[in-house]
Amino acid sequence: MMPKVAHPHITNDPAVCGGNAIIHGTRFPVRSVAMYVLQHGLTPEELVAKFPHLSLAQIHDALAYYYDNRQEIENEITENREEHVKQRAS
């Protein structure tokens, strides 16, 4: 088992985004970074240009957090897709 890795730009707050991993000081979920970069093909630099309140260090730390906690973030992505579909159907 790998030791827990510290991610200084990532936090969990039960009062923000349902307690999911977010970039510290924002409401920007790690899952969104993963989706923009890995699914939509944006580079970290393009993501910073799109969301100027984020730093390149924060984006890279969010990606590192994703790779260290891949299953957790993939589950969040899936859960949020399902919720979105249910809301649209209502």
PDB file of N, CA and C in Angstrom:
ATOM      1  N   MET A   1       0.840  -1.179   0.000  1.00  0.00           N
ATOM      2  CA  MET A   1       0.000   0.000   0.000  1.00  0.00           C
ATOM      3  C   MET A   1       0.888   1.245   0.000  1.00  0.00           C
ATOM      4  N   MET A   2       0.536   2.195  -0.854  1.00  0.00           N
ATOM      5  CA  MET A   2       1.320   3.423  -0.950  1.00  0.00           C
ATOM      6  C   MET A   2       0.962   4.368   0.190  1.00  0.00           C
ATOM      7  N   PRO A   3       1.947   5.114   0.674  1.00  0.00           N
ATOM      8  CA  PRO A   3       1.638   6.096   1.725  1.00  0.00           C
ATOM      9  C   PRO A   3       0.778   7.218   1.163  1.00  0.00           C
ATOM     10  N   LYS A   4      -0.001   7.839   2.022  1.00  0.00           N
ATOM     11  CA  LYS A   4      -0.847   8.973   1.642  1.00  0.00           C
ATOM     12  C   LYS A   4       0.045  10.142   1.239  1.00  0.00           C
ATOM     13  N   VAL A   5      -0.240  10.724   0.086  1.00  0.00           N
ATOM     14  CA  VAL A   5       0.553  11.827  -0.442  1.00  0.00           C
ATOM     15  C   VAL A   5      -0.147  13.140  -0.126  1.00  0.00           C
ATOM     16  N   ALA A   6       0.618  14.128   0.321  1.00  0.00           N
ATOM     17  CA  ALA A   6       0.056  15.448   0.619  1.00  0.00           C
ATOM     18  C   ALA A   6      -0.157  16.227  -0.676  1.00  0.00           C
ATOM     19  N   HIS A   7      -1.286  16.892  -0.756  1.00  0.00           N
ATOM     20  CA  HIS A   7      -1.621  17.752  -1.889  1.00  0.00           C
ATOM     21  C   HIS A   7      -1.996  19.112  -1.318  1.00  0.00           C
ATOM     22  N   PRO A   8      -1.038  20.054  -1.278  1.00  0.00           N
ATOM     23  CA  PRO A   8      -1.261  21.322  -0.596  1.00  0.00           C
ATOM     24  C   PRO A   8      -2.344  22.204  -1.205  1.00  0.00           C
ATOM     25  N   HIS A   9      -2.692  21.990  -2.459  1.00  0.00           N
ATOM     26  CA  HIS A   9      -3.707  22.827  -3.105  1.00  0.00           C
ATOM     27  C   HIS A   9      -5.100  22.193  -3.083  1.00  0.00           C
ATOM     28  N   ILE A  10      -5.227  21.019  -2.489  1.00  0.00           N
ATOM     29  CA  ILE A  10      -6.492  20.280  -2.514  1.00  0.00           C
ATOM     30  C   ILE A  10      -7.031  20.131  -1.098  1.00  0.00           C
ATOM     31  N   THR A  11      -8.339  20.283  -0.972  1.00  0.00           N
ATOM     32  CA  THR A  11      -8.986  20.141   0.328  1.00  0.00           C
ATOM     33  C   THR A  11     -10.354  19.497   0.158  1.00  0.00           C
ATOM     34  N   ASN A  12     -10.905  19.055   1.258  1.00  0.00           N
ATOM     35  CA  ASN A  12     -12.277  18.548   1.305  1.00  0.00           C
ATOM     36  C   ASN A  12     -12.997  19.319   2.397  1.00  0.00           C
ATOM     37  N   ASP A  13     -14.142  19.867   2.072  1.00  0.00           N
ATOM     38  CA  ASP A  13     -14.950  20.607   3.034  1.00  0.00           C
ATOM     39  C   ASP A  13     -16.377  20.111   2.895  1.00  0.00           C
ATOM     40  N   PRO A  14     -16.938  19.506   3.943  1.00  0.00           N
ATOM     41  CA  PRO A  14     -18.296  18.967   3.844  1.00  0.00           C
ATOM     42  C   PRO A  14     -19.332  20.015   3.420  1.00  0.00           C
ATOM     43  N   ALA A  15     -19.033  21.295   3.634  1.00  0.00           N
ATOM     44  CA  ALA A  15     -19.975  22.358   3.285  1.00  0.00           C
ATOM     45  C   ALA A  15     -19.831  22.833   1.832  1.00  0.00           C
ATOM     46  N   VAL A  16     -18.821  22.321   1.121  1.00  0.00           N
ATOM     47  CA  VAL A  16     -18.570  22.751  -0.251  1.00  0.00           C
ATOM     48  C   VAL A  16     -18.539  21.544  -1.178  1.00  0.00           C
ATOM     49  N   CYS A  17     -19.347  21.572  -2.203  1.00  0.00           N
ATOM     50  CA  CYS A  17     -19.382  20.513  -3.223  1.00  0.00           C
ATOM     51  C   CYS A  17     -19.578  19.127  -2.610  1.00  0.00           C
ATOM     52  N   GLY A  18     -20.385  19.057  -1.578  1.00  0.00           N
ATOM     53  CA  GLY A  18     -20.695  17.767  -0.970  1.00  0.00           C
ATOM     54  C   GLY A  18     -19.512  17.079  -0.318  1.00  0.00           C
ATOM     55  N   GLY A  19     -18.473  17.826  -0.015  1.00  0.00           N
ATOM     56  CA  GLY A  19     -17.298  17.233   0.622  1.00  0.00           C
ATOM     57  C   GLY A  19     -16.315  16.616  -0.353  1.00  0.00           C
ATOM     58  N   ASN A  20     -16.595  16.750  -1.648  1.00  0.00           N
ATOM     59  CA  ASN A  20     -15.679  16.221  -2.652  1.00  0.00           C
ATOM     60  C   ASN A  20     -14.398  17.046  -2.692  1.00  0.00           C
ATOM     61  N   ALA A  21     -13.342  16.485  -3.238  1.00  0.00           N
ATOM     62  CA  ALA A  21     -12.058  17.158  -3.335  1.00  0.00           C
ATOM     63  C   ALA A  21     -12.183  18.397  -4.221  1.00  0.00           C
ATOM     64  N   ILE A  22     -11.709  19.531  -3.698  1.00  0.00           N
ATOM     65  CA  ILE A  22     -11.745  20.799  -4.432  1.00  0.00           C
ATOM     66  C   ILE A  22     -10.385  21.479  -4.334  1.00  0.00           C
ATOM     67  N   ILE A  23     -10.166  22.446  -5.211  1.00  0.00           N
ATOM     68  CA  ILE A  23      -8.971  23.271  -5.116  1.00  0.00           C
ATOM     69  C   ILE A  23      -9.176  24.230  -3.953  1.00  0.00           C
ATOM     70  N   HIS A  24      -8.220  24.238  -3.039  1.00  0.00           N
ATOM     71  CA  HIS A  24      -8.306  25.030  -1.805  1.00  0.00           C
ATOM     72  C   HIS A  24      -8.610  26.501  -2.113  1.00  0.00           C
ATOM     73  N   GLY A  25      -9.565  27.049  -1.372  1.00  0.00           N
ATOM     74  CA  GLY A  25      -9.931  28.451  -1.524  1.00  0.00           C
ATOM     75  C   GLY A  25     -10.891  28.716  -2.666  1.00  0.00           C
ATOM     76  N   THR A  26     -11.362  27.650  -3.312  1.00  0.00           N
ATOM     77  CA  THR A  26     -12.304  27.785  -4.422  1.00  0.00           C
ATOM     78  C   THR A  26     -13.437  26.773  -4.223  1.00  0.00           C
ATOM     79  N   ARG A  27     -14.353  26.770  -5.152  1.00  0.00           N
ATOM     80  CA  ARG A  27     -15.394  25.748  -5.206  1.00  0.00           C
ATOM     81  C   ARG A  27     -15.171  24.866  -6.443  1.00  0.00           C
ATOM     82  N   PHE A  28     -13.952  24.838  -6.938  1.00  0.00           N
ATOM     83  CA  PHE A  28     -13.615  24.141  -8.183  1.00  0.00           C
ATOM     84  C   PHE A  28     -13.196  22.711  -7.877  1.00  0.00           C
ATOM     85  N   PRO A  29     -14.021  21.733  -8.270  1.00  0.00           N
ATOM     86  CA  PRO A  29     -13.716  20.332  -7.943  1.00  0.00           C
ATOM     87  C   PRO A  29     -12.550  19.752  -8.749  1.00  0.00           C
ATOM     88  N   VAL A  30     -11.830  18.867  -8.127  1.00  0.00           N
ATOM     89  CA  VAL A  30     -10.765  18.124  -8.809  1.00  0.00           C
ATOM     90  C   VAL A  30     -11.351  17.384 -10.007  1.00  0.00           C
ATOM     91  N   ARG A  31     -12.559  16.859  -9.858  1.00  0.00           N
ATOM     92  CA  ARG A  31     -13.176  16.109 -10.967  1.00  0.00           C
ATOM     93  C   ARG A  31     -13.327  16.989 -12.206  1.00  0.00           C
ATOM     94  N   SER A  32     -13.582  18.286 -12.023  1.00  0.00           N
ATOM     95  CA  SER A  32     -13.713  19.190 -13.170  1.00  0.00           C
ATOM     96  C   SER A  32     -12.373  19.369 -13.878  1.00  0.00           C
ATOM     97  N   VAL A  33     -11.306  19.487 -13.102  1.00  0.00           N
ATOM     98  CA  VAL A  33      -9.969  19.586 -13.703  1.00  0.00           C
ATOM     99  C   VAL A  33      -9.704  18.331 -14.521  1.00  0.00           C
ATOM    100  N   ALA A  34      -9.966  17.174 -13.936  1.00  0.00           N
ATOM    101  CA  ALA A  34      -9.726  15.907 -14.630  1.00  0.00           C
ATOM    102  C   ALA A  34     -10.540  15.829 -15.921  1.00  0.00           C
ATOM    103  N   MET A  35     -11.790  16.243 -15.860  1.00  0.00           N
ATOM    104  CA  MET A  35     -12.640  16.175 -17.050  1.00  0.00           C
ATOM    105  C   MET A  35     -12.163  17.139 -18.137  1.00  0.00           C
ATOM    106  N   TYR A  36     -11.850  18.376 -17.767  1.00  0.00           N
ATOM    107  CA  TYR A  36     -11.375  19.347 -18.757  1.00  0.00           C
ATOM    108  C   TYR A  36     -10.091  18.892 -19.430  1.00  0.00           C
ATOM    109  N   VAL A  37      -9.162  18.375 -18.645  1.00  0.00           N
ATOM    110  CA  VAL A  37      -7.854  18.011 -19.189  1.00  0.00           C
ATOM    111  C   VAL A  37      -7.892  16.639 -19.865  1.00  0.00           C
ATOM    112  N   LEU A  38      -8.433  15.643 -19.188  1.00  0.00           N
ATOM    113  CA  LEU A  38      -8.345  14.272 -19.689  1.00  0.00           C
ATOM    114  C   LEU A  38      -9.452  13.894 -20.667  1.00  0.00           C
ATOM    115  N   GLN A  39     -10.631  14.489 -20.523  1.00  0.00           N
ATOM    116  CA  GLN A  39     -11.725  14.137 -21.423  1.00  0.00           C
ATOM    117  C   GLN A  39     -11.941  15.149 -22.540  1.00  0.00           C
ATOM    118  N   HIS A  40     -11.726  16.438 -22.240  1.00  0.00           N
ATOM    119  CA  HIS A  40     -11.961  17.477 -23.235  1.00  0.00           C
ATOM    120  C   HIS A  40     -10.679  17.930 -23.927  1.00  0.00           C
ATOM    121  N   GLY A  41      -9.528  17.480 -23.431  1.00  0.00           N
ATOM    122  CA  GLY A  41      -8.262  17.731 -24.097  1.00  0.00           C
ATOM    123  C   GLY A  41      -7.631  19.092 -23.879  1.00  0.00           C
ATOM    124  N   LEU A  42      -8.104  19.853 -22.891  1.00  0.00           N
ATOM    125  CA  LEU A  42      -7.461  21.136 -22.599  1.00  0.00           C
ATOM    126  C   LEU A  42      -6.124  20.884 -21.923  1.00  0.00           C
ATOM    127  N   THR A  43      -5.169  21.738 -22.204  1.00  0.00           N
ATOM    128  CA  THR A  43      -3.900  21.666 -21.487  1.00  0.00           C
ATOM    129  C   THR A  43      -4.080  22.390 -20.158  1.00  0.00           C
ATOM    130  N   PRO A  44      -3.224  22.125 -19.182  1.00  0.00           N
ATOM    131  CA  PRO A  44      -3.303  22.889 -17.933  1.00  0.00           C
ATOM    132  C   PRO A  44      -3.220  24.398 -18.173  1.00  0.00           C
ATOM    133  N   GLU A  45      -2.401  24.819 -19.122  1.00  0.00           N
ATOM    134  CA  GLU A  45      -2.274  26.246 -19.431  1.00  0.00           C
ATOM    135  C   GLU A  45      -3.577  26.808 -19.995  1.00  0.00           C
ATOM    136  N   GLU A  46      -4.246  26.047 -20.850  1.00  0.00           N
ATOM    137  CA  GLU A  46      -5.537  26.483 -21.393  1.00  0.00           C
ATOM    138  C   GLU A  46      -6.588  26.569 -20.297  1.00  0.00           C
ATOM    139  N   LEU A  47      -6.521  25.656 -19.354  1.00  0.00           N
ATOM    140  CA  LEU A  47      -7.476  25.674 -18.241  1.00  0.00           C
ATOM    141  C   LEU A  47      -7.271  26.915 -17.380  1.00  0.00           C
ATOM    142  N   VAL A  48      -6.018  27.298 -17.140  1.00  0.00           N
ATOM    143  CA  VAL A  48      -5.732  28.514 -16.377  1.00  0.00           C
ATOM    144  C   VAL A  48      -6.233  29.742 -17.146  1.00  0.00           C
ATOM    145  N   ALA A  49      -6.081  29.741 -18.464  1.00  0.00           N
ATOM    146  CA  ALA A  49      -6.579  30.866 -19.267  1.00  0.00           C
ATOM    147  C   ALA A  49      -8.099  30.941 -19.205  1.00  0.00           C
ATOM    148  N   LYS A  50      -8.749  29.801 -19.173  1.00  0.00           N
ATOM    149  CA  LYS A  50     -10.219  29.734 -19.107  1.00  0.00           C
ATOM    150  C   LYS A  50     -10.731  30.120 -17.716  1.00  0.00           C
ATOM    151  N   PHE A  51      -9.986  29.763 -16.685  1.00  0.00           N
ATOM    152  CA  PHE A  51     -10.359  30.036 -15.287  1.00  0.00           C
ATOM    153  C   PHE A  51      -9.187  30.760 -14.618  1.00  0.00           C
ATOM    154  N   PRO A  52      -9.060  32.068 -14.833  1.00  0.00           N
ATOM    155  CA  PRO A  52      -7.872  32.792 -14.357  1.00  0.00           C
ATOM    156  C   PRO A  52      -7.733  32.869 -12.833  1.00  0.00           C
ATOM    157  N   HIS A  53      -8.769  32.488 -12.096  1.00  0.00           N
ATOM    158  CA  HIS A  53      -8.632  32.469 -10.633  1.00  0.00           C
ATOM    159  C   HIS A  53      -7.850  31.247 -10.157  1.00  0.00           C
ATOM    160  N   LEU A  54      -7.547  30.329 -11.074  1.00  0.00           N
ATOM    161  CA  LEU A  54      -6.746  29.143 -10.744  1.00  0.00           C
ATOM    162  C   LEU A  54      -5.310  29.354 -11.204  1.00  0.00           C
ATOM    163  N   SER A  55      -4.379  28.751 -10.474  1.00  0.00           N
ATOM    164  CA  SER A  55      -2.965  28.822 -10.873  1.00  0.00           C
ATOM    165  C   SER A  55      -2.555  27.499 -11.522  1.00  0.00           C
ATOM    166  N   LEU A  56      -1.469  27.569 -12.253  1.00  0.00           N
ATOM    167  CA  LEU A  56      -0.941  26.364 -12.883  1.00  0.00           C
ATOM    168  C   LEU A  56      -0.559  25.320 -11.828  1.00  0.00           C
ATOM    169  N   ALA A  57      -0.014  25.780 -10.714  1.00  0.00           N
ATOM    170  CA  ALA A  57       0.334  24.855  -9.624  1.00  0.00           C
ATOM    171  C   ALA A  57      -0.912  24.144  -9.092  1.00  0.00           C
ATOM    172  N   GLN A  58      -2.016  24.876  -8.959  1.00  0.00           N
ATOM    173  CA  GLN A  58      -3.259  24.261  -8.481  1.00  0.00           C
ATOM    174  C   GLN A  58      -3.760  23.206  -9.461  1.00  0.00           C
ATOM    175  N   ILE A  59      -3.701  23.509 -10.744  1.00  0.00           N
ATOM    176  CA  ILE A  59      -4.153  22.562 -11.769  1.00  0.00           C
ATOM    177  C   ILE A  59      -3.290  21.299 -11.731  1.00  0.00           C
ATOM    178  N   HIS A  60      -1.993  21.466 -11.667  1.00  0.00           N
ATOM    179  CA  HIS A  60      -1.106  20.292 -11.640  1.00  0.00           C
ATOM    180  C   HIS A  60      -1.298  19.479 -10.357  1.00  0.00           C
ATOM    181  N   ASP A  61      -1.527  20.155  -9.238  1.00  0.00           N
ATOM    182  CA  ASP A  61      -1.777  19.418  -7.994  1.00  0.00           C
ATOM    183  C   ASP A  61      -3.107  18.668  -8.072  1.00  0.00           C
ATOM    184  N   ALA A  62      -4.111  19.283  -8.699  1.00  0.00           N
ATOM    185  CA  ALA A  62      -5.402  18.596  -8.872  1.00  0.00           C
ATOM    186  C   ALA A  62      -5.233  17.354  -9.744  1.00  0.00           C
ATOM    187  N   LEU A  63      -4.424  17.461 -10.786  1.00  0.00           N
ATOM    188  CA  LEU A  63      -4.170  16.285 -11.630  1.00  0.00           C
ATOM    189  C   LEU A  63      -3.404  15.214 -10.862  1.00  0.00           C
ATOM    190  N   ALA A  64      -2.431  15.625 -10.067  1.00  0.00           N
ATOM    191  CA  ALA A  64      -1.695  14.656  -9.248  1.00  0.00           C
ATOM    192  C   ALA A  64      -2.647  13.980  -8.262  1.00  0.00           C
ATOM    193  N   TYR A  65      -3.547  14.773  -7.660  1.00  0.00           N
ATOM    194  CA  TYR A  65      -4.531  14.207  -6.729  1.00  0.00           C
ATOM    195  C   TYR A  65      -5.412  13.201  -7.467  1.00  0.00           C
ATOM    196  N   TYR A  66      -5.822  13.545  -8.665  1.00  0.00           N
ATOM    197  CA  TYR A  66      -6.637  12.616  -9.463  1.00  0.00           C
ATOM    198  C   TYR A  66      -5.899  11.286  -9.653  1.00  0.00           C
ATOM    199  N   TYR A  67      -4.646  11.351 -10.064  1.00  0.00           N
ATOM    200  CA  TYR A  67      -3.903  10.110 -10.301  1.00  0.00           C
ATOM    201  C   TYR A  67      -3.636   9.333  -9.009  1.00  0.00           C
ATOM    202  N   ASP A  68      -3.480  10.026  -7.887  1.00  0.00           N
ATOM    203  CA  ASP A  68      -3.296   9.346  -6.602  1.00  0.00           C
ATOM    204  C   ASP A  68      -4.593   8.774  -6.051  1.00  0.00           C
ATOM    205  N   ASN A  69      -5.730   9.301  -6.511  1.00  0.00           N
ATOM    206  CA  ASN A  69      -7.046   8.904  -5.983  1.00  0.00           C
ATOM    207  C   ASN A  69      -8.023   8.674  -7.132  1.00  0.00           C
ATOM    208  N   ARG A  70      -7.553   8.005  -8.143  1.00  0.00           N
ATOM    209  CA  ARG A  70      -8.301   7.853  -9.396  1.00  0.00           C
ATOM    210  C   ARG A  70      -9.702   7.299  -9.200  1.00  0.00           C
ATOM    211  N   GLN A  71      -9.850   6.247  -8.434  1.00  0.00           N
ATOM    212  CA  GLN A  71     -11.170   5.626  -8.267  1.00  0.00           C
ATOM    213  C   GLN A  71     -12.151   6.583  -7.589  1.00  0.00           C
ATOM    214  N   GLU A  72     -11.682   7.287  -6.569  1.00  0.00           N
ATOM    215  CA  GLU A  72     -12.522   8.263  -5.870  1.00  0.00           C
ATOM    216  C   GLU A  72     -13.054   9.328  -6.834  1.00  0.00           C
ATOM    217  N   ILE A  73     -12.173   9.877  -7.654  1.00  0.00           N
ATOM    218  CA  ILE A  73     -12.572  10.947  -8.568  1.00  0.00           C
ATOM    219  C   ILE A  73     -13.439  10.397  -9.699  1.00  0.00           C
ATOM    220  N   GLU A  74     -13.116   9.235 -10.207  1.00  0.00           N
ATOM    221  CA  GLU A  74     -13.964   8.609 -11.234  1.00  0.00           C
ATOM    222  C   GLU A  74     -15.374   8.360 -10.692  1.00  0.00           C
ATOM    223  N   ASN A  75     -15.468   7.948  -9.429  1.00  0.00           N
ATOM    224  CA  ASN A  75     -16.786   7.761  -8.813  1.00  0.00           C
ATOM    225  C   ASN A  75     -17.545   9.083  -8.735  1.00  0.00           C
ATOM    226  N   GLU A  76     -16.853  10.170  -8.369  1.00  0.00           N
ATOM    227  CA  GLU A  76     -17.485  11.492  -8.312  1.00  0.00           C
ATOM    228  C   GLU A  76     -17.988  11.907  -9.693  1.00  0.00           C
ATOM    229  N   ILE A  77     -17.196  11.664 -10.717  1.00  0.00           N
ATOM    230  CA  ILE A  77     -17.608  12.002 -12.081  1.00  0.00           C
ATOM    231  C   ILE A  77     -18.871  11.245 -12.444  1.00  0.00           C
ATOM    232  N   THR A  78     -18.901   9.958 -12.165  1.00  0.00           N
ATOM    233  CA  THR A  78     -20.067   9.129 -12.471  1.00  0.00           C
ATOM    234  C   THR A  78     -21.292   9.583 -11.688  1.00  0.00           C
ATOM    235  N   GLU A  79     -21.119   9.831 -10.391  1.00  0.00           N
ATOM    236  CA  GLU A  79     -22.242  10.262  -9.562  1.00  0.00           C
ATOM    237  C   GLU A  79     -22.821  11.582 -10.047  1.00  0.00           C
ATOM    238  N   ASN A  80     -21.985  12.483 -10.445  1.00  0.00           N
ATOM    239  CA  ASN A  80     -22.459  13.783 -10.899  1.00  0.00           C
ATOM    240  C   ASN A  80     -23.116  13.698 -12.270  1.00  0.00           C
ATOM    241  N   ARG A  81     -22.689  12.816 -13.091  1.00  0.00           N
ATOM    242  CA  ARG A  81     -23.369  12.603 -14.377  1.00  0.00           C
ATOM    243  C   ARG A  81     -24.769  12.069 -14.150  1.00  0.00           C
ATOM    244  N   GLU A  82     -24.907  11.089 -13.263  1.00  0.00           N
ATOM    245  CA  GLU A  82     -26.209  10.507 -12.984  1.00  0.00           C
ATOM    246  C   GLU A  82     -27.162  11.531 -12.400  1.00  0.00           C
ATOM    247  N   GLU A  83     -26.679  12.361 -11.473  1.00  0.00           N
ATOM    248  CA  GLU A  83     -27.519  13.398 -10.873  1.00  0.00           C
ATOM    249  C   GLU A  83     -27.982  14.381 -11.944  1.00  0.00           C
ATOM    250  N   HIS A  84     -27.095  14.736 -12.826  1.00  0.00           N
ATOM    251  CA  HIS A  84     -27.432  15.686 -13.888  1.00  0.00           C
ATOM    252  C   HIS A  84     -28.520  15.100 -14.789  1.00  0.00           C
ATOM    253  N   VAL A  85     -28.384  13.848 -15.143  1.00  0.00           N
ATOM    254  CA  VAL A  85     -29.378  13.193 -15.995  1.00  0.00           C
ATOM    255  C   VAL A  85     -30.732  13.135 -15.285  1.00  0.00           C
ATOM    256  N   LYS A  86     -30.738  12.804 -14.005  1.00  0.00           N
ATOM    257  CA  LYS A  86     -31.986  12.740 -13.256  1.00  0.00           C
ATOM    258  C   LYS A  86     -32.642  14.113 -13.166  1.00  0.00           C
ATOM    259  N   GLN A  87     -31.841  15.165 -12.960  1.00  0.00           N
ATOM    260  CA  GLN A  87     -32.396  16.515 -12.870  1.00  0.00           C
ATOM    261  C   GLN A  87     -33.011  16.945 -14.195  1.00  0.00           C
ATOM    262  N   ARG A  88     -32.372  16.623 -15.294  1.00  0.00           N
ATOM    263  CA  ARG A  88     -32.908  16.988 -16.609  1.00  0.00           C
ATOM    264  C   ARG A  88     -34.204  16.244 -16.888  1.00  0.00           C
ATOM    265  N   ALA A  89     -34.301  15.005 -16.411  1.00  0.00           N
ATOM    266  CA  ALA A  89     -35.488  14.187 -16.663  1.00  0.00           C
ATOM    267  C   ALA A  89     -36.689  14.646 -15.826  1.00  0.00           C
ATOM    268  N   SER A  90     -36.414  15.339 -14.736  1.00  0.00           N
ATOM    269  CA  SER A  90     -37.499  15.765 -13.835  1.00  0.00           C
ATOM    270  C   SER A  90     -38.263  16.942 -14.371  1.00  0.00           C
TER     271      SER A  90
END
